[in-house]
Amino acid sequence: MAKKKTAAKNSSKKTTPPKPTVQKELLLVMIISIALGLGGGYALGVSQDDSTTSNATQTTQKITYSHGVYEVSAEEAPKIELIVTEDTKSGYNIKIAATDFIFTPESVNGENVIGEGHAHLYVDGQKVGRLYSPYYHYDGDFEGTKEFRVTLNANDHSEYTVDGEVITSTVQVTHDSSDPSHSESHEGQSMDSMNKDDDHMHSDI
């Protein structure tokens, strides 16, 4: 009889379920593990998104304006001269002296016609905008040297070319406010510099 009671006691000990405290500890460990796993995954996701945004921004900054070409013969090709003068108040005055060319803003995005279209202005390789007339005011102030470049573009925005060469005019503009002659040059400026070669201008504006 004693052996049976002992066996019964041993059997009872083996089937005794874990104490509630042990279950709570296991549950707590599981919750903490899940939370850490989700937190790590979220942090990794944020890091990846930040990297993608940075790359996209860099790619955007590297994008340059690219247009088709409108090939014309040397005999019928328009000619341009870019004139940039510092404004007495702020920025710079742009003038496009063109021959055999008419600005046609009303025909933009339309059919190309030789000798018609508009211009595109670039400063240090960055496109500033379209010019639908010979005159434009660039309101950027700067120190040092910047490159101003203009192209003639057909109605569909393609660039006029002759033998594959883009018809363009480029001017290097240097601004040094510490130069003593700088203020004198401001005083001497007038619209006369903007009216250079007006007899060679052909514009419908």
N, C-alpha and C. Protein backbone atom coordinates (compact mmCIF):
# COMPACT_ATOMS: atom_id res chain seq x y z
N MET A 1 0.82 -1.20 0.00
CA MET A 1 0.00 0.00 0.00
C MET A 1 0.86 1.27 0.00
N ALA A 2 1.98 1.21 0.68
CA ALA A 2 2.87 2.38 0.75
C ALA A 2 3.43 2.72 -0.62
N LYS A 3 3.81 1.68 -1.39
CA LYS A 3 4.37 1.90 -2.72
C LYS A 3 3.36 2.57 -3.63
N LYS A 4 2.10 2.18 -3.55
CA LYS A 4 1.06 2.76 -4.39
C LYS A 4 0.88 4.23 -4.09
N LYS A 5 0.90 4.60 -2.80
CA LYS A 5 0.73 6.00 -2.43
C LYS A 5 1.89 6.84 -2.94
N THR A 6 3.11 6.25 -2.84
CA THR A 6 4.28 7.00 -3.32
C THR A 6 4.21 7.25 -4.82
N ALA A 7 3.79 6.23 -5.55
CA ALA A 7 3.64 6.37 -7.01
C ALA A 7 2.61 7.40 -7.35
N ALA A 8 1.56 7.42 -6.59
CA ALA A 8 0.49 8.38 -6.84
C ALA A 8 0.98 9.79 -6.62
N LYS A 9 1.81 9.94 -5.55
CA LYS A 9 2.35 11.27 -5.28
C LYS A 9 3.27 11.72 -6.41
N ASN A 10 4.16 10.81 -6.89
CA ASN A 10 5.07 11.16 -7.99
C ASN A 10 4.30 11.55 -9.24
N SER A 11 3.26 10.78 -9.55
CA SER A 11 2.43 11.05 -10.73
C SER A 11 1.79 12.41 -10.61
N SER A 12 1.37 12.74 -9.41
CA SER A 12 0.73 14.02 -9.18
C SER A 12 1.69 15.16 -9.42
N LYS A 13 2.95 14.99 -9.02
CA LYS A 13 3.95 16.05 -9.21
C LYS A 13 4.25 16.27 -10.68
N LYS A 14 4.29 15.19 -11.48
CA LYS A 14 4.63 15.33 -12.90
C LYS A 14 3.57 16.08 -13.68
N THR A 15 2.33 15.93 -13.32
CA THR A 15 1.25 16.54 -14.09
C THR A 15 0.85 17.90 -13.57
N THR A 16 1.56 18.35 -12.54
CA THR A 16 1.22 19.67 -11.98
C THR A 16 1.59 20.76 -12.98
N PRO A 17 0.66 21.61 -13.43
CA PRO A 17 0.95 22.68 -14.42
C PRO A 17 1.88 23.72 -13.84
N PRO A 18 2.62 24.45 -14.71
CA PRO A 18 3.52 25.49 -14.22
C PRO A 18 2.77 26.50 -13.40
N LYS A 19 3.47 27.06 -12.50
CA LYS A 19 2.86 28.08 -11.66
C LYS A 19 2.51 29.31 -12.49
N PRO A 20 1.46 30.02 -12.12
CA PRO A 20 1.05 31.22 -12.87
C PRO A 20 2.18 32.23 -13.05
N THR A 21 3.08 32.32 -12.07
CA THR A 21 4.18 33.30 -12.16
C THR A 21 5.10 32.97 -13.32
N VAL A 22 5.39 31.69 -13.54
CA VAL A 22 6.25 31.27 -14.64
C VAL A 22 5.60 31.59 -15.97
N GLN A 23 4.30 31.36 -16.10
CA GLN A 23 3.59 31.66 -17.35
C GLN A 23 3.63 33.15 -17.66
N LYS A 24 3.47 33.96 -16.64
CA LYS A 24 3.51 35.41 -16.85
C LYS A 24 4.88 35.85 -17.34
N GLU A 25 5.94 35.25 -16.77
CA GLU A 25 7.29 35.61 -17.18
C GLU A 25 7.54 35.22 -18.63
N LEU A 26 7.08 34.01 -19.02
CA LEU A 26 7.25 33.59 -20.41
C LEU A 26 6.50 34.50 -21.36
N LEU A 27 5.28 34.87 -20.98
CA LEU A 27 4.46 35.75 -21.81
C LEU A 27 5.12 37.11 -21.96
N LEU A 28 5.70 37.62 -20.87
CA LEU A 28 6.36 38.91 -20.90
C LEU A 28 7.57 38.89 -21.83
N VAL A 29 8.35 37.78 -21.76
CA VAL A 29 9.52 37.64 -22.62
C VAL A 29 9.10 37.62 -24.09
N MET A 30 8.00 36.92 -24.39
CA MET A 30 7.51 36.85 -25.77
C MET A 30 7.09 38.23 -26.27
N ILE A 31 6.39 38.99 -25.42
CA ILE A 31 5.93 40.33 -25.82
C ILE A 31 7.11 41.25 -26.10
N ILE A 32 8.11 41.19 -25.19
CA ILE A 32 9.29 42.04 -25.38
C ILE A 32 10.02 41.67 -26.66
N SER A 33 10.13 40.37 -26.96
CA SER A 33 10.82 39.92 -28.18
C SER A 33 10.10 40.42 -29.42
N ILE A 34 8.77 40.31 -29.41
CA ILE A 34 7.98 40.78 -30.57
C ILE A 34 8.14 42.28 -30.75
N ALA A 35 8.09 43.02 -29.62
CA ALA A 35 8.22 44.48 -29.70
C ALA A 35 9.57 44.89 -30.25
N LEU A 36 10.62 44.23 -29.78
CA LEU A 36 11.96 44.54 -30.29
C LEU A 36 12.09 44.22 -31.77
N GLY A 37 11.49 43.13 -32.20
CA GLY A 37 11.56 42.75 -33.60
C GLY A 37 10.85 43.75 -34.48
N LEU A 38 9.65 44.20 -34.05
CA LEU A 38 8.92 45.19 -34.83
C LEU A 38 9.66 46.52 -34.85
N GLY A 39 10.22 46.91 -33.70
CA GLY A 39 10.96 48.17 -33.62
C GLY A 39 12.16 48.16 -34.53
N GLY A 40 12.90 47.05 -34.54
CA GLY A 40 14.07 46.95 -35.42
C GLY A 40 13.69 47.02 -36.88
N GLY A 41 12.59 46.35 -37.24
CA GLY A 41 12.14 46.38 -38.62
C GLY A 41 11.71 47.77 -39.03
N TYR A 42 11.02 48.50 -38.11
CA TYR A 42 10.61 49.86 -38.41
C TYR A 42 11.82 50.77 -38.61
N ALA A 43 12.81 50.62 -37.73
CA ALA A 43 14.02 51.44 -37.86
C ALA A 43 14.72 51.17 -39.18
N LEU A 44 14.79 49.91 -39.57
CA LEU A 44 15.42 49.55 -40.85
C LEU A 44 14.65 50.15 -42.00
N GLY A 45 13.31 50.12 -41.91
CA GLY A 45 12.48 50.69 -42.97
C GLY A 45 12.70 52.18 -43.10
N VAL A 46 12.80 52.90 -41.96
CA VAL A 46 13.05 54.34 -42.01
C VAL A 46 14.39 54.63 -42.64
N SER A 47 15.39 53.84 -42.27
CA SER A 47 16.73 54.04 -42.82
C SER A 47 16.73 53.85 -44.33
N GLN A 48 16.03 52.83 -44.81
CA GLN A 48 15.98 52.57 -46.25
C GLN A 48 15.24 53.68 -46.97
N ASP A 49 14.14 54.19 -46.37
CA ASP A 49 13.38 55.26 -47.01
C ASP A 49 14.22 56.51 -47.10
N ASP A 50 14.97 56.85 -46.03
CA ASP A 50 15.82 58.03 -46.05
C ASP A 50 16.86 57.92 -47.15
N SER A 51 17.43 56.74 -47.34
CA SER A 51 18.45 56.54 -48.37
C SER A 51 17.85 56.75 -49.75
N THR A 52 16.64 56.24 -49.96
CA THR A 52 15.98 56.39 -51.26
C THR A 52 15.70 57.85 -51.56
N THR A 53 15.20 58.59 -50.53
CA THR A 53 14.91 60.00 -50.73
C THR A 53 16.17 60.77 -51.09
N SER A 54 17.26 60.46 -50.40
CA SER A 54 18.52 61.14 -50.68
C SER A 54 18.99 60.89 -52.10
N ASN A 55 18.89 59.63 -52.55
CA ASN A 55 19.31 59.32 -53.91
C ASN A 55 18.44 60.02 -54.93
N ALA A 56 17.12 60.07 -54.64
CA ALA A 56 16.20 60.73 -55.58
C ALA A 56 16.54 62.19 -55.70
N THR A 57 16.86 62.83 -54.57
CA THR A 57 17.21 64.24 -54.59
C THR A 57 18.47 64.47 -55.41
N GLN A 58 19.47 63.63 -55.20
CA GLN A 58 20.72 63.77 -55.95
C GLN A 58 20.47 63.57 -57.44
N THR A 59 19.60 62.59 -57.77
CA THR A 59 19.29 62.34 -59.18
C THR A 59 18.60 63.55 -59.79
N THR A 60 17.65 64.14 -59.01
CA THR A 60 16.94 65.30 -59.51
C THR A 60 17.89 66.45 -59.78
N GLN A 61 18.87 66.64 -58.88
CA GLN A 61 19.82 67.72 -59.06
C GLN A 61 20.69 67.52 -60.29
N LYS A 62 20.89 66.27 -60.69
CA LYS A 62 21.76 65.99 -61.83
C LYS A 62 21.02 66.08 -63.16
N ILE A 63 19.69 66.16 -63.08
CA ILE A 63 18.91 66.20 -64.32
C ILE A 63 19.20 67.49 -65.07
N THR A 64 19.45 67.42 -66.41
CA THR A 64 19.64 68.59 -67.25
C THR A 64 18.53 68.62 -68.30
N TYR A 65 18.22 69.82 -68.76
CA TYR A 65 17.17 69.95 -69.76
C TYR A 65 17.69 69.47 -71.10
N SER A 66 16.97 68.53 -71.70
CA SER A 66 17.37 67.96 -72.97
C SER A 66 16.23 68.12 -73.97
N HIS A 67 16.55 68.67 -75.11
CA HIS A 67 15.53 68.90 -76.15
C HIS A 67 16.00 68.28 -77.46
N GLY A 68 15.05 68.10 -78.33
CA GLY A 68 15.39 67.61 -79.65
C GLY A 68 16.10 68.70 -80.44
N VAL A 69 16.46 68.38 -81.68
CA VAL A 69 17.15 69.35 -82.51
C VAL A 69 16.30 69.68 -83.73
N TYR A 70 16.40 70.92 -84.16
CA TYR A 70 15.72 71.39 -85.36
C TYR A 70 16.82 71.83 -86.33
N GLU A 71 17.22 70.93 -87.21
CA GLU A 71 18.34 71.15 -88.12
C GLU A 71 17.92 72.06 -89.28
N VAL A 72 18.72 73.10 -89.48
CA VAL A 72 18.48 74.01 -90.61
C VAL A 72 19.82 74.22 -91.32
N SER A 73 19.73 74.72 -92.54
CA SER A 73 20.96 74.96 -93.30
C SER A 73 21.63 76.24 -92.82
N ALA A 74 22.92 76.36 -93.12
CA ALA A 74 23.66 77.54 -92.69
C ALA A 74 23.10 78.81 -93.33
N GLU A 75 22.55 78.69 -94.52
CA GLU A 75 22.02 79.86 -95.23
C GLU A 75 20.76 80.41 -94.57
N GLU A 76 19.93 79.52 -94.04
CA GLU A 76 18.66 79.96 -93.45
C GLU A 76 18.69 80.01 -91.92
N ALA A 77 19.82 79.70 -91.32
CA ALA A 77 19.91 79.65 -89.86
C ALA A 77 19.90 81.05 -89.25
N PRO A 78 19.15 81.25 -88.18
CA PRO A 78 19.19 82.54 -87.48
C PRO A 78 20.50 82.69 -86.71
N LYS A 79 20.82 83.93 -86.37
CA LYS A 79 22.03 84.21 -85.61
C LYS A 79 21.66 84.99 -84.37
N ILE A 80 22.41 84.78 -83.28
CA ILE A 80 22.09 85.46 -82.03
C ILE A 80 23.35 85.98 -81.35
N GLU A 81 23.15 87.03 -80.57
CA GLU A 81 24.20 87.55 -79.69
C GLU A 81 23.55 87.84 -78.35
N LEU A 82 24.13 87.29 -77.28
CA LEU A 82 23.60 87.49 -75.93
C LEU A 82 24.30 88.69 -75.30
N ILE A 83 23.51 89.63 -74.79
CA ILE A 83 24.05 90.82 -74.13
C ILE A 83 23.53 90.84 -72.69
N VAL A 84 24.43 90.87 -71.72
CA VAL A 84 24.06 90.87 -70.30
C VAL A 84 24.66 92.10 -69.64
N THR A 85 23.81 92.93 -69.04
CA THR A 85 24.28 94.12 -68.34
C THR A 85 23.69 94.14 -66.94
N GLU A 86 24.49 94.57 -65.98
CA GLU A 86 24.02 94.63 -64.60
C GLU A 86 23.04 95.77 -64.43
N ASP A 87 21.91 95.47 -63.81
CA ASP A 87 20.89 96.49 -63.59
C ASP A 87 21.35 97.44 -62.47
N THR A 88 20.98 98.72 -62.56
CA THR A 88 21.42 99.69 -61.57
C THR A 88 20.81 99.44 -60.20
N LYS A 89 19.70 98.71 -60.15
CA LYS A 89 19.04 98.45 -58.87
C LYS A 89 19.31 97.02 -58.39
N SER A 90 19.02 96.04 -59.21
CA SER A 90 19.26 94.64 -58.80
C SER A 90 19.23 93.75 -60.03
N GLY A 91 19.96 92.64 -59.94
CA GLY A 91 19.94 91.65 -61.01
C GLY A 91 20.63 92.11 -62.27
N TYR A 92 20.23 91.45 -63.37
CA TYR A 92 20.88 91.70 -64.66
C TYR A 92 19.83 91.76 -65.77
N ASN A 93 20.08 92.61 -66.72
CA ASN A 93 19.20 92.74 -67.88
C ASN A 93 19.76 91.92 -69.04
N ILE A 94 18.89 91.08 -69.58
CA ILE A 94 19.28 90.19 -70.67
C ILE A 94 18.68 90.72 -71.97
N LYS A 95 19.49 90.71 -73.00
CA LYS A 95 18.98 91.06 -74.33
C LYS A 95 19.52 90.04 -75.34
N ILE A 96 18.62 89.56 -76.20
CA ILE A 96 19.00 88.63 -77.26
C ILE A 96 18.92 89.39 -78.59
N ALA A 97 20.07 89.71 -79.14
CA ALA A 97 20.11 90.36 -80.44
C ALA A 97 20.11 89.26 -81.50
N ALA A 98 19.04 89.17 -82.26
CA ALA A 98 18.88 88.08 -83.22
C ALA A 98 18.65 88.60 -84.63
N THR A 99 19.13 87.88 -85.59
CA THR A 99 18.85 88.18 -86.99
C THR A 99 18.16 86.97 -87.61
N ASP A 100 17.27 87.27 -88.54
CA ASP A 100 16.51 86.23 -89.24
C ASP A 100 15.74 85.34 -88.26
N PHE A 101 15.19 85.98 -87.24
CA PHE A 101 14.44 85.22 -86.23
C PHE A 101 13.33 86.09 -85.66
N ILE A 102 12.15 85.48 -85.48
CA ILE A 102 10.99 86.16 -84.91
C ILE A 102 10.50 85.37 -83.70
N PHE A 103 10.28 86.06 -82.58
CA PHE A 103 9.70 85.41 -81.40
C PHE A 103 8.21 85.22 -81.62
N THR A 104 7.77 83.97 -81.49
CA THR A 104 6.37 83.65 -81.77
C THR A 104 5.75 82.89 -80.60
N PRO A 105 5.46 83.57 -79.47
CA PRO A 105 4.88 82.89 -78.32
C PRO A 105 3.50 82.30 -78.61
N GLU A 106 2.80 82.90 -79.56
CA GLU A 106 1.47 82.38 -79.90
C GLU A 106 1.53 81.04 -80.62
N SER A 107 2.70 80.65 -81.10
CA SER A 107 2.84 79.39 -81.84
C SER A 107 3.56 78.31 -81.03
N VAL A 108 3.80 78.57 -79.74
CA VAL A 108 4.52 77.60 -78.94
C VAL A 108 3.76 76.28 -78.91
N ASN A 109 4.51 75.18 -78.99
CA ASN A 109 3.98 73.82 -79.07
C ASN A 109 3.30 73.52 -80.40
N GLY A 110 3.44 74.44 -81.33
CA GLY A 110 2.83 74.23 -82.64
C GLY A 110 3.83 73.73 -83.66
N GLU A 111 3.48 73.86 -84.92
CA GLU A 111 4.33 73.38 -86.02
C GLU A 111 5.56 74.28 -86.16
N ASN A 112 6.70 73.67 -86.44
CA ASN A 112 7.93 74.44 -86.59
C ASN A 112 7.95 75.19 -87.92
N VAL A 113 8.44 76.41 -87.84
CA VAL A 113 8.64 77.24 -89.03
C VAL A 113 10.03 77.84 -88.91
N ILE A 114 10.83 77.71 -89.95
CA ILE A 114 12.19 78.22 -89.90
C ILE A 114 12.19 79.73 -89.64
N GLY A 115 12.99 80.14 -88.66
CA GLY A 115 13.08 81.55 -88.32
C GLY A 115 12.09 81.98 -87.27
N GLU A 116 11.31 81.04 -86.71
CA GLU A 116 10.34 81.35 -85.66
C GLU A 116 10.64 80.53 -84.41
N GLY A 117 10.12 81.00 -83.29
CA GLY A 117 10.26 80.24 -82.05
C GLY A 117 10.46 81.13 -80.84
N HIS A 118 11.28 80.67 -79.91
CA HIS A 118 11.56 81.40 -78.68
C HIS A 118 12.99 81.05 -78.25
N ALA A 119 13.37 81.46 -77.06
CA ALA A 119 14.73 81.19 -76.57
C ALA A 119 14.68 80.52 -75.20
N HIS A 120 15.74 79.81 -74.87
CA HIS A 120 15.91 79.23 -73.53
C HIS A 120 17.17 79.83 -72.91
N LEU A 121 17.03 80.29 -71.68
CA LEU A 121 18.16 80.91 -70.98
C LEU A 121 18.68 79.97 -69.90
N TYR A 122 20.01 79.82 -69.85
CA TYR A 122 20.67 78.99 -68.85
C TYR A 122 21.70 79.83 -68.10
N VAL A 123 21.80 79.61 -66.81
CA VAL A 123 22.82 80.26 -65.98
C VAL A 123 23.59 79.17 -65.26
N ASP A 124 24.88 79.09 -65.54
CA ASP A 124 25.73 78.02 -64.99
C ASP A 124 25.14 76.64 -65.28
N GLY A 125 24.60 76.47 -66.48
CA GLY A 125 24.10 75.17 -66.91
C GLY A 125 22.70 74.85 -66.47
N GLN A 126 22.11 75.67 -65.61
CA GLN A 126 20.76 75.43 -65.13
C GLN A 126 19.78 76.29 -65.92
N LYS A 127 18.71 75.66 -66.39
CA LYS A 127 17.73 76.41 -67.17
C LYS A 127 16.97 77.38 -66.28
N VAL A 128 16.96 78.65 -66.69
CA VAL A 128 16.24 79.68 -65.96
C VAL A 128 14.80 79.77 -66.44
N GLY A 129 14.62 79.65 -67.76
CA GLY A 129 13.26 79.70 -68.29
C GLY A 129 13.23 79.94 -69.78
N ARG A 130 12.00 80.01 -70.31
CA ARG A 130 11.81 80.34 -71.73
C ARG A 130 11.70 81.85 -71.88
N LEU A 131 12.22 82.34 -72.97
CA LEU A 131 12.12 83.77 -73.28
C LEU A 131 11.28 83.92 -74.54
N TYR A 132 10.15 84.61 -74.40
CA TYR A 132 9.25 84.82 -75.53
C TYR A 132 9.43 86.20 -76.17
N SER A 133 10.46 86.91 -75.73
CA SER A 133 10.80 88.20 -76.33
C SER A 133 12.30 88.40 -76.18
N PRO A 134 12.86 89.42 -76.82
CA PRO A 134 14.32 89.60 -76.75
C PRO A 134 14.81 90.05 -75.38
N TYR A 135 13.91 90.53 -74.52
CA TYR A 135 14.34 91.10 -73.25
C TYR A 135 13.89 90.26 -72.06
N TYR A 136 14.77 90.21 -71.06
CA TYR A 136 14.46 89.44 -69.85
C TYR A 136 15.27 90.00 -68.69
N HIS A 137 14.66 90.03 -67.50
CA HIS A 137 15.38 90.50 -66.31
C HIS A 137 15.69 89.31 -65.41
N TYR A 138 16.97 89.09 -65.19
CA TYR A 138 17.43 88.03 -64.29
C TYR A 138 17.67 88.66 -62.93
N ASP A 139 16.89 88.25 -61.92
CA ASP A 139 16.94 88.94 -60.63
C ASP A 139 17.92 88.32 -59.64
N GLY A 140 18.78 87.42 -60.09
CA GLY A 140 19.74 86.81 -59.18
C GLY A 140 20.96 87.70 -58.98
N ASP A 141 21.33 87.90 -57.71
CA ASP A 141 22.56 88.63 -57.38
C ASP A 141 23.62 87.63 -56.96
N PHE A 142 24.85 87.86 -57.33
CA PHE A 142 25.90 86.91 -57.01
C PHE A 142 27.25 87.61 -56.96
N GLU A 143 28.21 86.93 -56.35
CA GLU A 143 29.60 87.36 -56.35
C GLU A 143 30.40 86.33 -57.15
N GLY A 144 31.38 86.81 -57.90
CA GLY A 144 32.17 85.90 -58.70
C GLY A 144 31.71 85.90 -60.14
N THR A 145 31.91 84.76 -60.81
CA THR A 145 31.61 84.66 -62.25
C THR A 145 30.55 83.61 -62.51
N LYS A 146 29.59 83.95 -63.34
CA LYS A 146 28.57 83.01 -63.79
C LYS A 146 28.53 83.00 -65.31
N GLU A 147 28.15 81.85 -65.86
CA GLU A 147 28.04 81.71 -67.31
C GLU A 147 26.58 81.83 -67.72
N PHE A 148 26.28 82.80 -68.55
CA PHE A 148 24.95 82.98 -69.12
C PHE A 148 24.97 82.42 -70.55
N ARG A 149 24.00 81.59 -70.86
CA ARG A 149 23.95 81.00 -72.20
C ARG A 149 22.51 80.99 -72.69
N VAL A 150 22.33 81.26 -73.96
CA VAL A 150 21.00 81.28 -74.55
C VAL A 150 20.99 80.44 -75.82
N THR A 151 19.89 79.73 -76.04
CA THR A 151 19.70 78.97 -77.28
C THR A 151 18.43 79.44 -77.96
N LEU A 152 18.41 79.33 -79.28
CA LEU A 152 17.17 79.60 -80.02
C LEU A 152 16.45 78.27 -80.21
N ASN A 153 15.15 78.28 -79.93
CA ASN A 153 14.37 77.05 -79.97
C ASN A 153 13.16 77.21 -80.87
N ALA A 154 12.86 76.14 -81.58
CA ALA A 154 11.71 76.15 -82.49
C ALA A 154 10.42 76.09 -81.66
N ASN A 155 9.30 76.14 -82.35
CA ASN A 155 8.01 76.14 -81.65
C ASN A 155 7.79 74.91 -80.78
N ASP A 156 8.39 73.78 -81.19
CA ASP A 156 8.23 72.56 -80.39
C ASP A 156 9.33 72.40 -79.34
N HIS A 157 10.09 73.48 -79.09
CA HIS A 157 11.15 73.55 -78.08
C HIS A 157 12.47 72.90 -78.50
N SER A 158 12.51 72.29 -79.67
CA SER A 158 13.78 71.72 -80.13
C SER A 158 14.76 72.86 -80.43
N GLU A 159 16.06 72.56 -80.28
CA GLU A 159 17.08 73.59 -80.45
C GLU A 159 17.51 73.71 -81.91
N TYR A 160 17.61 74.93 -82.38
CA TYR A 160 18.10 75.17 -83.73
C TYR A 160 19.55 74.68 -83.82
N THR A 161 19.83 73.91 -84.86
CA THR A 161 21.20 73.42 -85.08
C THR A 161 21.58 73.56 -86.54
N VAL A 162 22.89 73.69 -86.76
CA VAL A 162 23.47 73.70 -88.11
C VAL A 162 24.58 72.68 -88.12
N ASP A 163 24.44 71.66 -88.96
CA ASP A 163 25.42 70.56 -89.00
C ASP A 163 25.62 69.93 -87.63
N GLY A 164 24.53 69.84 -86.89
CA GLY A 164 24.59 69.21 -85.57
C GLY A 164 25.05 70.12 -84.45
N GLU A 165 25.46 71.35 -84.78
CA GLU A 165 25.93 72.29 -83.77
C GLU A 165 24.79 73.21 -83.35
N VAL A 166 24.55 73.30 -82.03
CA VAL A 166 23.46 74.14 -81.51
C VAL A 166 23.80 75.61 -81.71
N ILE A 167 22.80 76.36 -82.18
CA ILE A 167 22.97 77.81 -82.31
C ILE A 167 22.82 78.41 -80.92
N THR A 168 23.91 78.92 -80.38
CA THR A 168 23.89 79.41 -79.00
C THR A 168 24.86 80.57 -78.85
N SER A 169 24.67 81.35 -77.78
CA SER A 169 25.57 82.44 -77.46
C SER A 169 25.83 82.41 -75.96
N THR A 170 27.09 82.55 -75.57
CA THR A 170 27.48 82.43 -74.17
C THR A 170 28.26 83.65 -73.72
N VAL A 171 27.99 84.09 -72.50
CA VAL A 171 28.68 85.24 -71.93
C VAL A 171 29.09 84.91 -70.50
N GLN A 172 30.35 85.20 -70.17
CA GLN A 172 30.84 85.06 -68.80
C GLN A 172 30.67 86.41 -68.10
N VAL A 173 29.92 86.40 -67.00
CA VAL A 173 29.63 87.64 -66.27
C VAL A 173 30.28 87.57 -64.89
N THR A 174 31.12 88.56 -64.58
CA THR A 174 31.80 88.61 -63.29
C THR A 174 31.29 89.79 -62.47
N HIS A 175 30.98 89.52 -61.22
CA HIS A 175 30.51 90.58 -60.32
C HIS A 175 31.41 90.62 -59.09
N ASP A 176 31.97 91.80 -58.83
CA ASP A 176 32.84 91.98 -57.66
C ASP A 176 32.46 93.30 -57.01
N SER A 177 31.64 93.23 -55.96
CA SER A 177 31.15 94.44 -55.31
C SER A 177 32.24 95.19 -54.56
N SER A 178 33.39 94.52 -54.30
CA SER A 178 34.49 95.19 -53.60
C SER A 178 35.37 96.00 -54.54
N ASP A 179 35.15 95.85 -55.84
CA ASP A 179 35.94 96.59 -56.83
C ASP A 179 35.53 98.06 -56.81
N PRO A 180 36.46 99.00 -56.63
CA PRO A 180 36.11 100.43 -56.58
C PRO A 180 35.39 100.91 -57.84
N SER A 181 35.70 100.30 -58.96
CA SER A 181 35.06 100.73 -60.21
C SER A 181 33.63 100.22 -60.34
N HIS A 182 33.22 99.36 -59.40
CA HIS A 182 31.88 98.76 -59.49
C HIS A 182 30.79 99.82 -59.41
N SER A 183 30.89 100.71 -58.42
CA SER A 183 29.86 101.75 -58.27
C SER A 183 29.89 102.72 -59.44
N GLU A 184 31.08 102.99 -59.97
CA GLU A 184 31.19 103.89 -61.11
C GLU A 184 30.51 103.29 -62.34
N SER A 185 30.67 101.98 -62.51
CA SER A 185 30.04 101.33 -63.67
C SER A 185 28.53 101.38 -63.54
N HIS A 186 28.02 101.31 -62.29
CA HIS A 186 26.57 101.42 -62.09
C HIS A 186 26.08 102.79 -62.50
N GLU A 187 26.82 103.81 -62.11
CA GLU A 187 26.40 105.17 -62.42
C GLU A 187 26.41 105.43 -63.92
N GLY A 188 27.32 104.77 -64.63
CA GLY A 188 27.45 105.01 -66.06
C GLY A 188 26.51 104.21 -66.92
N GLN A 189 25.81 103.25 -66.31
CA GLN A 189 24.93 102.40 -67.10
C GLN A 189 23.65 103.13 -67.47
N SER A 190 23.13 102.81 -68.62
CA SER A 190 21.85 103.35 -69.07
C SER A 190 21.24 102.35 -70.02
N MET A 191 20.07 102.68 -70.49
CA MET A 191 19.39 101.79 -71.43
C MET A 191 20.07 101.76 -72.78
N ASP A 192 21.07 102.64 -72.97
CA ASP A 192 21.78 102.62 -74.25
C ASP A 192 22.43 101.27 -74.50
N SER A 193 22.95 100.65 -73.42
CA SER A 193 23.60 99.36 -73.60
C SER A 193 22.60 98.28 -73.99
N MET A 194 21.33 98.48 -73.60
CA MET A 194 20.31 97.50 -73.94
C MET A 194 19.81 97.71 -75.37
N ASN A 195 20.06 98.88 -75.92
CA ASN A 195 19.56 99.19 -77.26
C ASN A 195 20.60 98.92 -78.34
N LYS A 196 21.66 98.18 -77.99
CA LYS A 196 22.72 97.88 -78.95
C LYS A 196 22.18 97.06 -80.11
N ASP A 197 22.50 97.51 -81.33
CA ASP A 197 22.14 96.76 -82.54
C ASP A 197 20.65 96.52 -82.67
N ASP A 198 19.83 97.50 -82.28
CA ASP A 198 18.39 97.30 -82.39
C ASP A 198 17.94 97.17 -83.84
N ASP A 199 18.75 97.71 -84.77
CA ASP A 199 18.34 97.62 -86.17
C ASP A 199 18.47 96.20 -86.68
N HIS A 200 19.13 95.30 -85.91
CA HIS A 200 19.24 93.91 -86.32
C HIS A 200 18.20 93.03 -85.64
N MET A 201 17.36 93.67 -84.81
CA MET A 201 16.36 92.88 -84.09
C MET A 201 15.12 92.70 -84.95
N HIS A 202 14.58 91.49 -84.89
CA HIS A 202 13.33 91.20 -85.59
C HIS A 202 12.44 90.47 -84.59
N SER A 203 11.39 91.15 -84.14
CA SER A 203 10.51 90.55 -83.13
C SER A 203 9.09 90.99 -83.38
N ASP A 204 8.16 90.11 -83.05
CA ASP A 204 6.75 90.46 -83.21
C ASP A 204 6.17 90.97 -81.89
N ILE A 205 7.02 91.24 -80.91
CA ILE A 205 6.54 91.71 -79.62
C ILE A 205 6.98 93.16 -79.42
